[in-house]
Amino acid sequence: MIFIAVKFTALAAERDNWLPRLEDFTLATRGEPGNVFFDWSHSVENPNEFVLLEAFADAAAGEAHVNSAHFKAAIETMSKLVAEVPEIINVEVEGTGWSRMAEVTPRDR
């Protein structure tokens, strides 16, 4: 599985526009056959920072993603909304999705 984490710092004036402007991209990516997950988060420390966690079944699915029309359109959109070059982690990992964390389990309340 290809796992990707990206930190985007939006221009302060574009912070509230980030998710709405990328909604079509998000929905199109989630609909790709090789997409495992595609989830946005918002930093609690930096109001202008968005974190994207995404995974694709394999290298071929990742390649199809970056060659898609919606990816290319999103790159153009994001390039107009970012304050700096995003930070990225892109690795190949074992598995097919999220695993359960063994150390934390629900307790009696």
C-alpha atoms as a PDB file:
ATOM      1  CA  MET A   1       0.000   0.000   0.000  1.00  0.00           C
ATOM      2  CA  ILE A   2       1.233   3.519  -0.786  1.00  0.00           C
ATOM      3  CA  PHE A   3       0.750   5.809   2.240  1.00  0.00           C
ATOM      4  CA  ILE A   4       1.037   9.569   1.839  1.00  0.00           C
ATOM      5  CA  ALA A   5       0.836  12.329   4.441  1.00  0.00           C
ATOM      6  CA  VAL A   6       0.967  15.950   3.277  1.00  0.00           C
ATOM      7  CA  LYS A   7       0.978  19.171   5.321  1.00  0.00           C
ATOM      8  CA  PHE A   8      -0.397  22.176   3.452  1.00  0.00           C
ATOM      9  CA  THR A   9      -0.149  25.710   4.829  1.00  0.00           C
ATOM     10  CA  ALA A  10      -2.910  27.767   3.254  1.00  0.00           C
ATOM     11  CA  LEU A  11      -2.738  31.487   2.784  1.00  0.00           C
ATOM     12  CA  ALA A  12      -4.570  32.996   5.768  1.00  0.00           C
ATOM     13  CA  ALA A  13      -7.092  34.646   3.443  1.00  0.00           C
ATOM     14  CA  GLU A  14      -7.809  31.259   1.801  1.00  0.00           C
ATOM     15  CA  ARG A  15      -8.099  29.097   4.947  1.00  0.00           C
ATOM     16  CA  ASP A  16     -11.908  29.002   4.873  1.00  0.00           C
ATOM     17  CA  ASN A  17     -11.897  28.277   1.142  1.00  0.00           C
ATOM     18  CA  TRP A  18      -9.483  25.325   1.286  1.00  0.00           C
ATOM     19  CA  LEU A  19     -11.881  22.412   1.787  1.00  0.00           C
ATOM     20  CA  PRO A  20     -14.727  23.802  -0.353  1.00  0.00           C
ATOM     21  CA  ARG A  21     -12.346  24.510  -3.261  1.00  0.00           C
ATOM     22  CA  LEU A  22     -10.969  20.948  -3.020  1.00  0.00           C
ATOM     23  CA  GLU A  23     -14.263  19.131  -2.499  1.00  0.00           C
ATOM     24  CA  ASP A  24     -14.527  17.890  -6.113  1.00  0.00           C
ATOM     25  CA  PHE A  25     -10.927  16.625  -5.941  1.00  0.00           C
ATOM     26  CA  THR A  26     -11.602  14.886  -2.641  1.00  0.00           C
ATOM     27  CA  LEU A  27     -14.748  13.161  -3.910  1.00  0.00           C
ATOM     28  CA  ALA A  28     -13.133  12.163  -7.216  1.00  0.00           C
ATOM     29  CA  THR A  29     -10.105  10.697  -5.440  1.00  0.00           C
ATOM     30  CA  ARG A  30     -12.250   8.771  -2.966  1.00  0.00           C
ATOM     31  CA  GLY A  31     -14.048   7.300  -5.979  1.00  0.00           C
ATOM     32  CA  GLU A  32     -10.876   5.981  -7.602  1.00  0.00           C
ATOM     33  CA  PRO A  33     -10.774   2.149  -7.691  1.00  0.00           C
ATOM     34  CA  GLY A  34      -7.341   2.002  -6.016  1.00  0.00           C
ATOM     35  CA  ASN A  35      -8.000   4.566  -3.291  1.00  0.00           C
ATOM     36  CA  VAL A  36      -7.934   3.117   0.226  1.00  0.00           C
ATOM     37  CA  PHE A  37      -8.614   6.380   2.072  1.00  0.00           C
ATOM     38  CA  PHE A  38      -8.336  10.120   1.539  1.00  0.00           C
ATOM     39  CA  ASP A  39      -8.900  12.176   4.697  1.00  0.00           C
ATOM     40  CA  TRP A  40      -8.373  15.842   5.499  1.00  0.00           C
ATOM     41  CA  SER A  41      -7.556  17.117   8.992  1.00  0.00           C
ATOM     42  CA  HIS A  42      -7.098  20.616  10.329  1.00  0.00           C
ATOM     43  CA  SER A  43      -4.222  21.431  12.674  1.00  0.00           C
ATOM     44  CA  VAL A  44      -5.207  22.465  16.205  1.00  0.00           C
ATOM     45  CA  GLU A  45      -1.929  24.393  16.523  1.00  0.00           C
ATOM     46  CA  ASN A  46      -1.835  26.242  13.196  1.00  0.00           C
ATOM     47  CA  PRO A  47      -5.231  27.416  11.897  1.00  0.00           C
ATOM     48  CA  ASN A  48      -3.842  27.671   8.362  1.00  0.00           C
ATOM     49  CA  GLU A  49      -2.497  24.106   8.228  1.00  0.00           C
ATOM     50  CA  PHE A  50      -4.359  21.207   6.659  1.00  0.00           C
ATOM     51  CA  VAL A  51      -3.095  17.626   6.793  1.00  0.00           C
ATOM     52  CA  LEU A  52      -4.028  15.096   4.147  1.00  0.00           C
ATOM     53  CA  LEU A  53      -3.704  11.373   4.873  1.00  0.00           C
ATOM     54  CA  GLU A  54      -4.186   9.231   1.816  1.00  0.00           C
ATOM     55  CA  ALA A  55      -3.451   5.686   0.724  1.00  0.00           C
ATOM     56  CA  PHE A  56      -3.594   3.760  -2.514  1.00  0.00           C
ATOM     57  CA  ALA A  57      -3.703  -0.010  -2.976  1.00  0.00           C
ATOM     58  CA  ASP A  58      -0.423  -0.154  -4.868  1.00  0.00           C
ATOM     59  CA  ALA A  59       2.001   1.814  -7.029  1.00  0.00           C
ATOM     60  CA  ALA A  60      -0.236   1.456 -10.092  1.00  0.00           C
ATOM     61  CA  ALA A  61      -3.159   3.019  -8.220  1.00  0.00           C
ATOM     62  CA  GLY A  62      -0.924   5.861  -7.043  1.00  0.00           C
ATOM     63  CA  GLU A  63       0.286   6.436 -10.587  1.00  0.00           C
ATOM     64  CA  ALA A  64      -3.285   6.474 -11.905  1.00  0.00           C
ATOM     65  CA  HIS A  65      -4.126   9.055  -9.243  1.00  0.00           C
ATOM     66  CA  VAL A  66      -1.319  11.480 -10.123  1.00  0.00           C
ATOM     67  CA  ASN A  67      -2.110  11.121 -13.829  1.00  0.00           C
ATOM     68  CA  SER A  68      -5.822  11.847 -13.370  1.00  0.00           C
ATOM     69  CA  ALA A  69      -7.437  15.047 -14.599  1.00  0.00           C
ATOM     70  CA  HIS A  70      -8.793  15.814 -11.109  1.00  0.00           C
ATOM     71  CA  PHE A  71      -5.296  15.553  -9.590  1.00  0.00           C
ATOM     72  CA  LYS A  72      -3.855  17.929 -12.201  1.00  0.00           C
ATOM     73  CA  ALA A  73      -6.712  20.396 -11.639  1.00  0.00           C
ATOM     74  CA  ALA A  74      -6.241  20.192  -7.851  1.00  0.00           C
ATOM     75  CA  ILE A  75      -2.518  20.923  -8.181  1.00  0.00           C
ATOM     76  CA  GLU A  76      -3.398  24.143 -10.006  1.00  0.00           C
ATOM     77  CA  THR A  77      -5.981  25.075  -7.370  1.00  0.00           C
ATOM     78  CA  MET A  78      -3.754  24.260  -4.387  1.00  0.00           C
ATOM     79  CA  SER A  79      -0.841  26.178  -5.917  1.00  0.00           C
ATOM     80  CA  LYS A  80      -3.008  29.314  -5.748  1.00  0.00           C
ATOM     81  CA  LEU A  81      -4.056  28.661  -2.138  1.00  0.00           C
ATOM     82  CA  VAL A  82      -0.782  27.692  -0.402  1.00  0.00           C
ATOM     83  CA  ALA A  83       1.541  30.014   1.495  1.00  0.00           C
ATOM     84  CA  GLU A  84       4.547  27.700   1.119  1.00  0.00           C
ATOM     85  CA  VAL A  85       5.659  24.444  -0.475  1.00  0.00           C
ATOM     86  CA  PRO A  86       3.853  21.537   1.239  1.00  0.00           C
ATOM     87  CA  GLU A  87       5.708  18.905   3.281  1.00  0.00           C
ATOM     88  CA  ILE A  88       5.146  15.264   2.292  1.00  0.00           C
ATOM     89  CA  ILE A  89       5.837  11.729   3.436  1.00  0.00           C
ATOM     90  CA  ASN A  90       5.324   9.081   0.749  1.00  0.00           C
ATOM     91  CA  VAL A  91       6.106   5.472   1.665  1.00  0.00           C
ATOM     92  CA  GLU A  92       5.182   1.954   0.689  1.00  0.00           C
ATOM     93  CA  VAL A  93       3.896  -0.061   3.651  1.00  0.00           C
ATOM     94  CA  GLU A  94       2.628  -3.554   4.327  1.00  0.00           C
ATOM     95  CA  GLY A  95      -1.120  -4.021   4.603  1.00  0.00           C
ATOM     96  CA  THR A  96      -4.311  -2.945   2.918  1.00  0.00           C
ATOM     97  CA  GLY A  97      -5.555  -0.204   5.237  1.00  0.00           C
ATOM     98  CA  TRP A  98      -5.736   0.848   8.857  1.00  0.00           C
ATOM     99  CA  SER A  99      -4.829  -1.666  11.581  1.00  0.00           C
ATOM    100  CA  ARG A 100      -6.086  -1.642  15.165  1.00  0.00           C
ATOM    101  CA  MET A 101      -3.867  -0.192  17.900  1.00  0.00           C
ATOM    102  CA  ALA A 102      -3.267  -2.907  20.493  1.00  0.00           C
ATOM    103  CA  GLU A 103      -2.240  -0.609  23.359  1.00  0.00           C
ATOM    104  CA  VAL A 104      -5.461   1.392  23.623  1.00  0.00           C
ATOM    105  CA  THR A 105      -8.820  -0.285  24.111  1.00  0.00           C
ATOM    106  CA  PRO A 106     -12.115   0.998  25.513  1.00  0.00           C
ATOM    107  CA  ARG A 107     -12.370   0.640  29.295  1.00  0.00           C
ATOM    108  CA  ASP A 108     -15.310   0.370  31.645  1.00  0.00           C
ATOM    109  CA  ARG A 109     -16.578   3.808  32.456  1.00  0.00           C
END
